[in-house]
Amino acid sequence: MQPVKLPISNELKNQIGRVGVLLGGTSSEREISLQSGAAVVAALVEAGIEHVAIDVGINAIADIQAAKIDRAFIMLHGVGGEDGRMQAVLEYLNIPFTGSGVQSSALAMDKLRTKQLWRGVGLSTPDFAVLDKNTDWKSVLADLGGEVMVKPANEGSSIGMSRVKTADELEAAFKVAQDYDGSVIAERLIVGSEFTVAILGDEALPPIKLETDHNFYDFNAKYIAEDTRYLCPCGISSAKEDELKALASAAFKSVGCSGWGRVDVMADKDLNFYLLEVNTAPGMTSHSLVPMAAKAQGLTFSELVSTILRCSL
């Protein structure tokens, strides 16, 4: 689809109506959500789109109804905002919203089931194991190549994640991850480059290569550190870039996602790509990746926000 260029027409403004920017929430990603939401609000001011910010709490349904909105821009990250629950509330209230629907949001939030689906349709993703208190830590570590990433299956922003290479570290990392979610996976470590591909409408935007001096691309590297490096163009051949974009698009569609999102991918030393996860309500902060990819495509932040809204029509 063609992106919305500023200034936007009165006809499109009328179609979009009054936008409620849902931000904050109660998940572990609340602070990032507040930053993302504030950025979207500023973009709506620039675009001249009527809006209201709604900090989603325990009275979410009443607050949304009281705001009398025509459309919701979901900037809630993590549990309660990205996992299908808010999408279900908005469907019940008959309010259109940005991004993916109930089922695809719930599926994308669950890294374990997303990986199982990708395996089922023949898309590459790192080998993995489900962990519990009875896991044979040495055996799992050996089966997965001796070094793994441990992840809560239903968290975002690298929260609760650890990179480990001993059985004792694996057990300790499981306990850390379990504090965030009852479902925990260990994933074979892919040693190489990390990429992310933003999806806008039906189009994969220019991939970004991520470089960090941290142990991995953790919460600090994503949102706080000033030395994380974002390369766009990402430095691979045009053929490999096309392959990466095609894989990301296939991954996004296989989960049933729509509107906009972001697909994270690892590449090994031979540039074989492996899918990590889909984000259905990615960050929109000053450190966020979708705005960087949109800028490389020639879109301002406000044009990106307006295009995401048009995708919800």
C-alpha atoms as a PDB file:
ATOM      1  CA  MET A   1       0.000   0.000   0.000  1.00  0.00           C
ATOM      2  CA  GLN A   2       1.094   3.583  -0.572  1.00  0.00           C
ATOM      3  CA  PRO A   3       2.128   5.329   2.659  1.00  0.00           C
ATOM      4  CA  VAL A   4       0.170   8.331   3.911  1.00  0.00           C
ATOM      5  CA  LYS A   5       2.083  11.540   3.146  1.00  0.00           C
ATOM      6  CA  LEU A   6       1.588  14.679   5.229  1.00  0.00           C
ATOM      7  CA  PRO A   7      -0.463  16.780   5.241  1.00  0.00           C
ATOM      8  CA  ILE A   8      -3.246  14.189   5.198  1.00  0.00           C
ATOM      9  CA  SER A   9      -6.580  14.927   3.587  1.00  0.00           C
ATOM     10  CA  ASN A  10      -9.680  15.910   5.536  1.00  0.00           C
ATOM     11  CA  GLU A  11     -11.400  12.888   3.980  1.00  0.00           C
ATOM     12  CA  LEU A  12      -8.848  10.527   5.550  1.00  0.00           C
ATOM     13  CA  LYS A  13      -9.048  12.364   8.879  1.00  0.00           C
ATOM     14  CA  ASN A  14     -12.826  11.884   8.842  1.00  0.00           C
ATOM     15  CA  GLN A  15     -12.403   8.192   8.040  1.00  0.00           C
ATOM     16  CA  ILE A  16      -9.945   7.737  10.914  1.00  0.00           C
ATOM     17  CA  GLY A  17     -12.041   9.740  13.379  1.00  0.00           C
ATOM     18  CA  ARG A  18     -11.093  10.294  17.016  1.00  0.00           C
ATOM     19  CA  VAL A  19      -8.147   8.070  17.951  1.00  0.00           C
ATOM     20  CA  GLY A  20      -7.566   6.672  21.412  1.00  0.00           C
ATOM     21  CA  VAL A  21      -3.872   5.976  21.998  1.00  0.00           C
ATOM     22  CA  LEU A  22      -3.778   3.085  24.465  1.00  0.00           C
ATOM     23  CA  LEU A  23      -0.566   3.253  26.468  1.00  0.00           C
ATOM     24  CA  GLY A  24       0.963   2.336  29.807  1.00  0.00           C
ATOM     25  CA  GLY A  25      -0.849  -0.760  30.969  1.00  0.00           C
ATOM     26  CA  THR A  26       0.195  -3.022  33.813  1.00  0.00           C
ATOM     27  CA  SER A  27       2.805  -5.293  32.188  1.00  0.00           C
ATOM     28  CA  SER A  28       6.543  -5.354  32.864  1.00  0.00           C
ATOM     29  CA  GLU A  29       6.924  -3.191  29.735  1.00  0.00           C
ATOM     30  CA  ARG A  30       4.808  -0.320  31.082  1.00  0.00           C
ATOM     31  CA  GLU A  31       7.559   2.319  31.012  1.00  0.00           C
ATOM     32  CA  ILE A  32       8.443   1.572  27.391  1.00  0.00           C
ATOM     33  CA  SER A  33       4.748   1.662  26.495  1.00  0.00           C
ATOM     34  CA  LEU A  34       4.405   5.122  28.027  1.00  0.00           C
ATOM     35  CA  GLN A  35       7.335   6.351  25.906  1.00  0.00           C
ATOM     36  CA  SER A  36       5.945   4.744  22.748  1.00  0.00           C
ATOM     37  CA  GLY A  37       2.494   6.162  23.385  1.00  0.00           C
ATOM     38  CA  ALA A  38       3.829   9.664  23.978  1.00  0.00           C
ATOM     39  CA  ALA A  39       5.682   9.526  20.657  1.00  0.00           C
ATOM     40  CA  VAL A  40       2.517   8.441  18.830  1.00  0.00           C
ATOM     41  CA  VAL A  41       0.516  11.233  20.476  1.00  0.00           C
ATOM     42  CA  ALA A  42       3.096  13.779  19.281  1.00  0.00           C
ATOM     43  CA  ALA A  43       2.837  12.366  15.756  1.00  0.00           C
ATOM     44  CA  LEU A  44      -0.953  12.659  15.802  1.00  0.00           C
ATOM     45  CA  VAL A  45      -0.621  16.302  16.861  1.00  0.00           C
ATOM     46  CA  GLU A  46       1.674  16.913  13.891  1.00  0.00           C
ATOM     47  CA  ALA A  47      -0.730  15.125  11.531  1.00  0.00           C
ATOM     48  CA  GLY A  48      -3.708  17.060  12.860  1.00  0.00           C
ATOM     49  CA  ILE A  49      -5.631  13.917  13.839  1.00  0.00           C
ATOM     50  CA  GLU A  50      -8.088  14.175  16.735  1.00  0.00           C
ATOM     51  CA  HIS A  51      -6.938  11.942  19.589  1.00  0.00           C
ATOM     52  CA  VAL A  52      -6.879  11.215  23.284  1.00  0.00           C
ATOM     53  CA  ALA A  53      -4.278   9.312  25.354  1.00  0.00           C
ATOM     54  CA  ILE A  54      -5.670   6.549  27.580  1.00  0.00           C
ATOM     55  CA  ASP A  55      -3.443   5.073  30.278  1.00  0.00           C
ATOM     56  CA  VAL A  56      -4.872   1.576  30.511  1.00  0.00           C
ATOM     57  CA  GLY A  57      -5.379   0.285  34.040  1.00  0.00           C
ATOM     58  CA  ILE A  58      -7.872  -1.780  35.994  1.00  0.00           C
ATOM     59  CA  ASN A  59     -10.786   0.315  34.686  1.00  0.00           C
ATOM     60  CA  ALA A  60      -9.756  -0.088  31.056  1.00  0.00           C
ATOM     61  CA  ILE A  61     -13.187  -0.820  29.598  1.00  0.00           C
ATOM     62  CA  ALA A  62     -14.885   2.072  31.375  1.00  0.00           C
ATOM     63  CA  ASP A  63     -12.047   4.457  30.502  1.00  0.00           C
ATOM     64  CA  ILE A  64     -12.147   3.489  26.820  1.00  0.00           C
ATOM     65  CA  GLN A  65     -15.918   3.867  26.665  1.00  0.00           C
ATOM     66  CA  ALA A  66     -15.767   7.243  28.426  1.00  0.00           C
ATOM     67  CA  ALA A  67     -13.207   8.530  25.888  1.00  0.00           C
ATOM     68  CA  LYS A  68     -15.748   8.075  23.042  1.00  0.00           C
ATOM     69  CA  ILE A  69     -13.171   7.069  20.464  1.00  0.00           C
ATOM     70  CA  ASP A  70     -13.719   5.901  16.888  1.00  0.00           C
ATOM     71  CA  ARG A  71     -10.471   3.941  16.652  1.00  0.00           C
ATOM     72  CA  ALA A  72      -7.719   2.666  18.955  1.00  0.00           C
ATOM     73  CA  PHE A  73      -3.980   2.911  18.359  1.00  0.00           C
ATOM     74  CA  ILE A  74      -2.596   0.114  20.527  1.00  0.00           C
ATOM     75  CA  MET A  75       0.726   1.081  22.091  1.00  0.00           C
ATOM     76  CA  LEU A  76       0.517  -1.427  24.919  1.00  0.00           C
ATOM     77  CA  HIS A  77       3.515  -3.755  25.024  1.00  0.00           C
ATOM     78  CA  GLY A  78       3.534  -7.210  26.575  1.00  0.00           C
ATOM     79  CA  VAL A  79       0.887  -9.034  28.569  1.00  0.00           C
ATOM     80  CA  GLY A  80      -2.549  -7.415  28.478  1.00  0.00           C
ATOM     81  CA  GLY A  81      -1.857  -5.367  25.382  1.00  0.00           C
ATOM     82  CA  GLU A  82      -0.020  -7.479  22.838  1.00  0.00           C
ATOM     83  CA  ASP A  83      -1.453 -10.894  23.677  1.00  0.00           C
ATOM     84  CA  GLY A  84      -4.998 -10.600  22.295  1.00  0.00           C
ATOM     85  CA  ARG A  85      -6.750  -9.493  25.486  1.00  0.00           C
ATOM     86  CA  MET A  86      -7.066  -5.808  24.588  1.00  0.00           C
ATOM     87  CA  GLN A  87      -7.853  -6.757  21.008  1.00  0.00           C
ATOM     88  CA  ALA A  88     -10.743  -8.882  22.309  1.00  0.00           C
ATOM     89  CA  VAL A  89     -12.014  -6.004  24.461  1.00  0.00           C
ATOM     90  CA  LEU A  90     -11.971  -3.640  21.493  1.00  0.00           C
ATOM     91  CA  GLU A  91     -13.749  -6.170  19.283  1.00  0.00           C
ATOM     92  CA  TYR A  92     -16.422  -6.535  21.973  1.00  0.00           C
ATOM     93  CA  LEU A  93     -16.791  -2.744  22.107  1.00  0.00           C
ATOM     94  CA  ASN A  94     -16.911  -2.639  18.285  1.00  0.00           C
ATOM     95  CA  ILE A  95     -13.930  -0.264  18.117  1.00  0.00           C
ATOM     96  CA  PRO A  96     -11.490  -0.749  15.201  1.00  0.00           C
ATOM     97  CA  PHE A  97      -7.829  -0.924  16.221  1.00  0.00           C
ATOM     98  CA  THR A  98      -4.327  -0.942  14.792  1.00  0.00           C
ATOM     99  CA  GLY A  99      -2.347  -4.104  14.248  1.00  0.00           C
ATOM    100  CA  SER A 100      -3.209  -7.773  14.411  1.00  0.00           C
ATOM    101  CA  GLY A 101      -6.424  -9.399  15.601  1.00  0.00           C
ATOM    102  CA  VAL A 102      -7.186 -11.436  18.703  1.00  0.00           C
ATOM    103  CA  GLN A 103      -5.987 -14.852  17.592  1.00  0.00           C
ATOM    104  CA  SER A 104      -2.818 -13.740  15.802  1.00  0.00           C
ATOM    105  CA  SER A 105      -1.833 -11.412  18.661  1.00  0.00           C
ATOM    106  CA  ALA A 106      -2.224 -14.224  21.194  1.00  0.00           C
ATOM    107  CA  LEU A 107      -0.237 -16.629  19.033  1.00  0.00           C
ATOM    108  CA  ALA A 108       2.588 -14.186  18.271  1.00  0.00           C
ATOM    109  CA  MET A 109       2.951 -13.386  21.974  1.00  0.00           C
ATOM    110  CA  ASP A 110       3.629 -17.070  22.698  1.00  0.00           C
ATOM    111  CA  LYS A 111       7.140 -17.779  21.417  1.00  0.00           C
ATOM    112  CA  LEU A 112       6.761 -21.520  21.959  1.00  0.00           C
ATOM    113  CA  ARG A 113       3.608 -21.938  19.888  1.00  0.00           C
ATOM    114  CA  THR A 114       4.866 -19.541  17.237  1.00  0.00           C
ATOM    115  CA  LYS A 115       7.994 -21.661  16.834  1.00  0.00           C
ATOM    116  CA  GLN A 116       5.899 -24.835  16.700  1.00  0.00           C
ATOM    117  CA  LEU A 117       3.774 -23.279  13.942  1.00  0.00           C
ATOM    118  CA  TRP A 118       6.854 -22.181  11.972  1.00  0.00           C
ATOM    119  CA  ARG A 119       8.275 -25.688  12.218  1.00  0.00           C
ATOM    120  CA  GLY A 120       4.952 -27.038  10.958  1.00  0.00           C
ATOM    121  CA  VAL A 121       4.928 -24.842   7.844  1.00  0.00           C
ATOM    122  CA  GLY A 122       8.613 -25.306   7.087  1.00  0.00           C
ATOM    123  CA  LEU A 123      10.018 -21.926   8.183  1.00  0.00           C
ATOM    124  CA  SER A 124      13.440 -21.946   9.828  1.00  0.00           C
ATOM    125  CA  THR A 125      13.723 -21.248  13.557  1.00  0.00           C
ATOM    126  CA  PRO A 126      16.414 -22.341  16.055  1.00  0.00           C
ATOM    127  CA  ASP A 127      16.074 -25.742  17.742  1.00  0.00           C
ATOM    128  CA  PHE A 128      14.486 -25.472  21.179  1.00  0.00           C
ATOM    129  CA  ALA A 129      13.338 -27.328  24.273  1.00  0.00           C
ATOM    130  CA  VAL A 130      10.581 -26.658  26.797  1.00  0.00           C
ATOM    131  CA  LEU A 131      11.942 -26.361  30.335  1.00  0.00           C
ATOM    132  CA  ASP A 132      10.371 -27.313  33.658  1.00  0.00           C
ATOM    133  CA  LYS A 133      11.580 -28.150  37.153  1.00  0.00           C
ATOM    134  CA  ASN A 134      12.228 -31.777  36.154  1.00  0.00           C
ATOM    135  CA  THR A 135      14.392 -30.933  33.136  1.00  0.00           C
ATOM    136  CA  ASP A 136      17.679 -32.795  32.721  1.00  0.00           C
ATOM    137  CA  TRP A 137      19.771 -29.627  32.401  1.00  0.00           C
ATOM    138  CA  LYS A 138      22.931 -31.310  31.087  1.00  0.00           C
ATOM    139  CA  SER A 139      21.020 -33.276  28.473  1.00  0.00           C
ATOM    140  CA  VAL A 140      19.102 -30.258  27.164  1.00  0.00           C
ATOM    141  CA  LEU A 141      22.276 -28.207  26.941  1.00  0.00           C
ATOM    142  CA  ALA A 142      24.059 -30.964  25.013  1.00  0.00           C
ATOM    143  CA  ASP A 143      21.121 -31.504  22.656  1.00  0.00           C
ATOM    144  CA  LEU A 144      21.023 -27.776  21.834  1.00  0.00           C
ATOM    145  CA  GLY A 145      24.710 -27.421  21.053  1.00  0.00           C
ATOM    146  CA  GLY A 146      26.169 -26.399  24.402  1.00  0.00           C
ATOM    147  CA  GLU A 147      25.049 -22.752  24.534  1.00  0.00           C
ATOM    148  CA  VAL A 148      21.464 -21.500  24.627  1.00  0.00           C
ATOM    149  CA  MET A 149      19.160 -18.551  25.136  1.00  0.00           C
ATOM    150  CA  VAL A 150      16.583 -19.036  27.892  1.00  0.00           C
ATOM    151  CA  LYS A 151      13.321 -17.132  27.392  1.00  0.00           C
ATOM    152  CA  PRO A 152       9.971 -16.708  29.093  1.00  0.00           C
ATOM    153  CA  ALA A 153       7.591 -17.736  26.298  1.00  0.00           C
ATOM    154  CA  ASN A 154       5.193 -14.813  26.811  1.00  0.00           C
ATOM    155  CA  GLU A 155       7.399 -11.813  27.554  1.00  0.00           C
ATOM    156  CA  GLY A 156       8.896  -9.116  25.336  1.00  0.00           C
ATOM    157  CA  SER A 157      11.779  -6.615  25.338  1.00  0.00           C
ATOM    158  CA  SER A 158      14.217  -9.424  26.292  1.00  0.00           C
ATOM    159  CA  ILE A 159      12.803  -9.361  29.837  1.00  0.00           C
ATOM    160  CA  GLY A 160      13.734 -12.499  31.802  1.00  0.00           C
ATOM    161  CA  MET A 161      16.138 -13.732  29.107  1.00  0.00           C
ATOM    162  CA  SER A 162      19.592 -15.196  29.723  1.00  0.00           C
ATOM    163  CA  ARG A 163      22.458 -16.560  27.636  1.00  0.00           C
ATOM    164  CA  VAL A 164      23.986 -19.637  29.283  1.00  0.00           C
ATOM    165  CA  LYS A 165      26.542 -22.384  28.596  1.00  0.00           C
ATOM    166  CA  THR A 166      26.593 -24.595  31.711  1.00  0.00           C
ATOM    167  CA  ALA A 167      23.967 -26.832  33.290  1.00  0.00           C
ATOM    168  CA  ASP A 168      24.016 -24.806  36.504  1.00  0.00           C
ATOM    169  CA  GLU A 169      23.543 -21.572  34.556  1.00  0.00           C
ATOM    170  CA  LEU A 170      20.678 -23.163  32.632  1.00  0.00           C
ATOM    171  CA  GLU A 171      18.846 -24.137  35.817  1.00  0.00           C
ATOM    172  CA  ALA A 172      19.390 -20.670  37.314  1.00  0.00           C
ATOM    173  CA  ALA A 173      18.203 -18.986  34.115  1.00  0.00           C
ATOM    174  CA  PHE A 174      15.075 -21.134  34.104  1.00  0.00           C
ATOM    175  CA  LYS A 175      14.223 -19.924  37.606  1.00  0.00           C
ATOM    176  CA  VAL A 176      14.703 -16.295  36.536  1.00  0.00           C
ATOM    177  CA  ALA A 177      12.494 -16.741  33.475  1.00  0.00           C
ATOM    178  CA  GLN A 178       9.858 -18.600  35.474  1.00  0.00           C
ATOM    179  CA  ASP A 179       9.371 -15.498  37.625  1.00  0.00           C
ATOM    180  CA  TYR A 180       7.950 -13.805  34.503  1.00  0.00           C
ATOM    181  CA  ASP A 181       6.036 -16.662  32.897  1.00  0.00           C
ATOM    182  CA  GLY A 182       5.113 -20.267  33.625  1.00  0.00           C
ATOM    183  CA  SER A 183       6.160 -21.319  30.119  1.00  0.00           C
ATOM    184  CA  VAL A 184       9.930 -21.230  29.545  1.00  0.00           C
ATOM    185  CA  ILE A 185      11.998 -22.350  26.563  1.00  0.00           C
ATOM    186  CA  ALA A 186      15.678 -22.862  25.846  1.00  0.00           C
ATOM    187  CA  GLU A 187      16.711 -22.034  22.287  1.00  0.00           C
ATOM    188  CA  ARG A 188      19.895 -23.072  20.503  1.00  0.00           C
ATOM    189  CA  LEU A 189      22.246 -20.082  20.336  1.00  0.00           C
ATOM    190  CA  ILE A 190      22.783 -18.921  16.774  1.00  0.00           C
ATOM    191  CA  VAL A 191      26.202 -17.271  16.609  1.00  0.00           C
ATOM    192  CA  GLY A 192      26.166 -14.530  14.013  1.00  0.00           C
ATOM    193  CA  SER A 193      24.274 -11.376  13.162  1.00  0.00           C
ATOM    194  CA  GLU A 194      20.874 -10.223  14.399  1.00  0.00           C
ATOM    195  CA  PHE A 195      18.413  -8.531  12.056  1.00  0.00           C
ATOM    196  CA  THR A 196      14.940  -7.096  12.383  1.00  0.00           C
ATOM    197  CA  VAL A 197      12.411  -6.534   9.605  1.00  0.00           C
ATOM    198  CA  ALA A 198       9.491  -4.141  10.032  1.00  0.00           C
ATOM    199  CA  ILE A 199       6.249  -4.977   8.239  1.00  0.00           C
ATOM    200  CA  LEU A 200       3.932  -2.149   7.170  1.00  0.00           C
ATOM    201  CA  GLY A 201       0.736  -3.215   5.452  1.00  0.00           C
ATOM    202  CA  ASP A 202       1.807  -5.836   2.922  1.00  0.00           C
ATOM    203  CA  GLU A 203       5.380  -4.587   2.621  1.00  0.00           C
ATOM    204  CA  ALA A 204       8.604  -5.566   4.358  1.00  0.00           C
ATOM    205  CA  LEU A 205      10.645  -2.427   5.051  1.00  0.00           C
ATOM    206  CA  PRO A 206      14.459  -2.296   4.764  1.00  0.00           C
ATOM    207  CA  PRO A 207      16.042  -4.716   7.270  1.00  0.00           C
ATOM    208  CA  ILE A 208      18.150  -3.380  10.124  1.00  0.00           C
ATOM    209  CA  LYS A 209      21.249  -5.138  11.444  1.00  0.00           C
ATOM    210  CA  LEU A 210      21.767  -4.840  15.200  1.00  0.00           C
ATOM    211  CA  GLU A 211      25.180  -4.748  16.834  1.00  0.00           C
ATOM    212  CA  THR A 212      25.862  -4.555  20.568  1.00  0.00           C
ATOM    213  CA  ASP A 213      28.817  -5.078  22.874  1.00  0.00           C
ATOM    214  CA  HIS A 214      26.437  -6.592  25.455  1.00  0.00           C
ATOM    215  CA  ASN A 215      26.231 -10.352  25.985  1.00  0.00           C
ATOM    216  CA  PHE A 216      23.170 -10.214  23.739  1.00  0.00           C
ATOM    217  CA  TYR A 217      20.607  -7.618  22.552  1.00  0.00           C
ATOM    218  CA  ASP A 218      19.072  -7.266  26.024  1.00  0.00           C
ATOM    219  CA  PHE A 219      16.717  -4.693  27.577  1.00  0.00           C
ATOM    220  CA  ASN A 220      19.550  -2.264  28.284  1.00  0.00           C
ATOM    221  CA  ALA A 221      20.914  -2.518  24.746  1.00  0.00           C
ATOM    222  CA  LYS A 222      17.420  -1.990  23.330  1.00  0.00           C
ATOM    223  CA  TYR A 223      16.245   0.980  25.354  1.00  0.00           C
ATOM    224  CA  ILE A 224      19.028   2.573  27.393  1.00  0.00           C
ATOM    225  CA  ALA A 225      22.509   2.095  25.940  1.00  0.00           C
ATOM    226  CA  GLU A 226      23.790   4.717  23.531  1.00  0.00           C
ATOM    227  CA  ASP A 227      26.421   2.425  21.983  1.00  0.00           C
ATOM    228  CA  THR A 228      24.055  -0.044  20.269  1.00  0.00           C
ATOM    229  CA  ARG A 229      24.646   0.110  16.513  1.00  0.00           C
ATOM    230  CA  TYR A 230      21.819   0.028  13.977  1.00  0.00           C
ATOM    231  CA  LEU A 231      22.895  -0.589  10.381  1.00  0.00           C
ATOM    232  CA  CYS A 232      20.442   0.275   7.604  1.00  0.00           C
ATOM    233  CA  PRO A 233      21.371  -0.548   4.862  1.00  0.00           C
ATOM    234  CA  CYS A 234      22.203  -3.723   6.724  1.00  0.00           C
ATOM    235  CA  GLY A 235      25.337  -4.612   4.737  1.00  0.00           C
ATOM    236  CA  ILE A 236      24.274  -7.869   3.051  1.00  0.00           C
ATOM    237  CA  SER A 237      23.812  -8.509  -0.662  1.00  0.00           C
ATOM    238  CA  SER A 238      20.568  -7.508  -2.357  1.00  0.00           C
ATOM    239  CA  ALA A 239      19.774 -11.190  -2.954  1.00  0.00           C
ATOM    240  CA  LYS A 240      20.224 -12.017   0.742  1.00  0.00           C
ATOM    241  CA  GLU A 241      18.223  -8.939   1.740  1.00  0.00           C
ATOM    242  CA  ASP A 242      15.371 -10.065  -0.503  1.00  0.00           C
ATOM    243  CA  GLU A 243      15.573 -13.539   1.068  1.00  0.00           C
ATOM    244  CA  LEU A 244      15.444 -12.029   4.563  1.00  0.00           C
ATOM    245  CA  LYS A 245      12.445  -9.827   3.718  1.00  0.00           C
ATOM    246  CA  ALA A 246      10.616 -12.755   2.121  1.00  0.00           C
ATOM    247  CA  LEU A 247      11.213 -14.927   5.199  1.00  0.00           C
ATOM    248  CA  ALA A 248       9.983 -12.181   7.525  1.00  0.00           C
ATOM    249  CA  SER A 249       6.857 -11.620   5.433  1.00  0.00           C
ATOM    250  CA  ALA A 250       6.118 -15.352   5.352  1.00  0.00           C
ATOM    251  CA  ALA A 251       6.596 -15.591   9.118  1.00  0.00           C
ATOM    252  CA  PHE A 252       4.283 -12.625   9.718  1.00  0.00           C
ATOM    253  CA  LYS A 253       1.547 -13.983   7.464  1.00  0.00           C
ATOM    254  CA  SER A 254       1.825 -17.550   8.792  1.00  0.00           C
ATOM    255  CA  VAL A 255       0.863 -16.333  12.267  1.00  0.00           C
ATOM    256  CA  GLY A 256      -2.077 -14.438  10.741  1.00  0.00           C
ATOM    257  CA  CYS A 257      -0.700 -11.002  11.595  1.00  0.00           C
ATOM    258  CA  SER A 258      -1.800  -7.853   9.793  1.00  0.00           C
ATOM    259  CA  GLY A 259      -1.428  -4.073   9.688  1.00  0.00           C
ATOM    260  CA  TRP A 260       2.068  -3.646  11.032  1.00  0.00           C
ATOM    261  CA  GLY A 261       4.645  -5.390  13.170  1.00  0.00           C
ATOM    262  CA  ARG A 262       8.241  -6.504  13.358  1.00  0.00           C
ATOM    263  CA  VAL A 263       9.971  -9.847  12.819  1.00  0.00           C
ATOM    264  CA  ASP A 264      13.284 -10.611  14.563  1.00  0.00           C
ATOM    265  CA  VAL A 265      15.778 -12.919  12.866  1.00  0.00           C
ATOM    266  CA  MET A 266      19.233 -14.360  13.582  1.00  0.00           C
ATOM    267  CA  ALA A 267      21.760 -15.287  10.922  1.00  0.00           C
ATOM    268  CA  ASP A 268      24.612 -17.753  11.390  1.00  0.00           C
ATOM    269  CA  LYS A 269      28.128 -17.236  10.023  1.00  0.00           C
ATOM    270  CA  ASP A 270      27.001 -18.561   6.611  1.00  0.00           C
ATOM    271  CA  LEU A 271      24.038 -16.124   6.529  1.00  0.00           C
ATOM    272  CA  ASN A 272      21.432 -18.815   7.008  1.00  0.00           C
ATOM    273  CA  PHE A 273      18.424 -17.093   8.603  1.00  0.00           C
ATOM    274  CA  TYR A 274      16.484 -18.291  11.679  1.00  0.00           C
ATOM    275  CA  LEU A 275      13.230 -16.739  12.915  1.00  0.00           C
ATOM    276  CA  LEU A 276      13.088 -15.647  16.561  1.00  0.00           C
ATOM    277  CA  GLU A 277       9.723 -13.947  17.094  1.00  0.00           C
ATOM    278  CA  VAL A 278       7.017 -11.621  15.810  1.00  0.00           C
ATOM    279  CA  ASN A 279       6.176  -8.373  17.619  1.00  0.00           C
ATOM    280  CA  THR A 280       2.606  -7.205  16.952  1.00  0.00           C
ATOM    281  CA  ALA A 281       2.843  -3.865  18.804  1.00  0.00           C
ATOM    282  CA  PRO A 282       6.530  -2.912  18.527  1.00  0.00           C
ATOM    283  CA  GLY A 283       8.117  -0.045  20.367  1.00  0.00           C
ATOM    284  CA  MET A 284       7.912   3.468  18.939  1.00  0.00           C
ATOM    285  CA  THR A 285      10.486   5.151  21.195  1.00  0.00           C
ATOM    286  CA  SER A 286      13.614   7.072  20.205  1.00  0.00           C
ATOM    287  CA  HIS A 287      15.526   3.747  20.265  1.00  0.00           C
ATOM    288  CA  SER A 288      12.870   1.766  18.395  1.00  0.00           C
ATOM    289  CA  LEU A 289      13.404  -0.110  15.164  1.00  0.00           C
ATOM    290  CA  VAL A 290      10.208   0.299  13.138  1.00  0.00           C
ATOM    291  CA  PRO A 291      10.631   4.112  12.929  1.00  0.00           C
ATOM    292  CA  MET A 292      14.248   3.592  11.782  1.00  0.00           C
ATOM    293  CA  ALA A 293      13.142   1.243   9.004  1.00  0.00           C
ATOM    294  CA  ALA A 294      10.345   3.621   7.985  1.00  0.00           C
ATOM    295  CA  LYS A 295      12.829   6.501   7.812  1.00  0.00           C
ATOM    296  CA  ALA A 296      15.019   4.417   5.496  1.00  0.00           C
ATOM    297  CA  GLN A 297      11.917   3.971   3.336  1.00  0.00           C
ATOM    298  CA  GLY A 298      11.431   7.749   3.220  1.00  0.00           C
ATOM    299  CA  LEU A 299       8.673   8.042   5.824  1.00  0.00           C
ATOM    300  CA  THR A 300       8.639  10.557   8.663  1.00  0.00           C
ATOM    301  CA  PHE A 301       7.472   9.326  12.058  1.00  0.00           C
ATOM    302  CA  SER A 302       4.103  11.075  11.632  1.00  0.00           C
ATOM    303  CA  GLU A 303       3.676   9.509   8.186  1.00  0.00           C
ATOM    304  CA  LEU A 304       4.429   6.096   9.690  1.00  0.00           C
ATOM    305  CA  VAL A 305       1.789   6.609  12.394  1.00  0.00           C
ATOM    306  CA  SER A 306      -0.767   7.832   9.853  1.00  0.00           C
ATOM    307  CA  THR A 307      -0.081   4.824   7.608  1.00  0.00           C
ATOM    308  CA  ILE A 308      -0.533   2.403  10.510  1.00  0.00           C
ATOM    309  CA  LEU A 309      -3.875   4.047  11.229  1.00  0.00           C
ATOM    310  CA  ARG A 310      -4.933   3.769   7.588  1.00  0.00           C
ATOM    311  CA  CYS A 311      -4.129   0.050   7.706  1.00  0.00           C
ATOM    312  CA  SER A 312      -6.840  -0.248  10.378  1.00  0.00           C
ATOM    313  CA  LEU A 313      -9.600   1.198   8.166  1.00  0.00           C
END
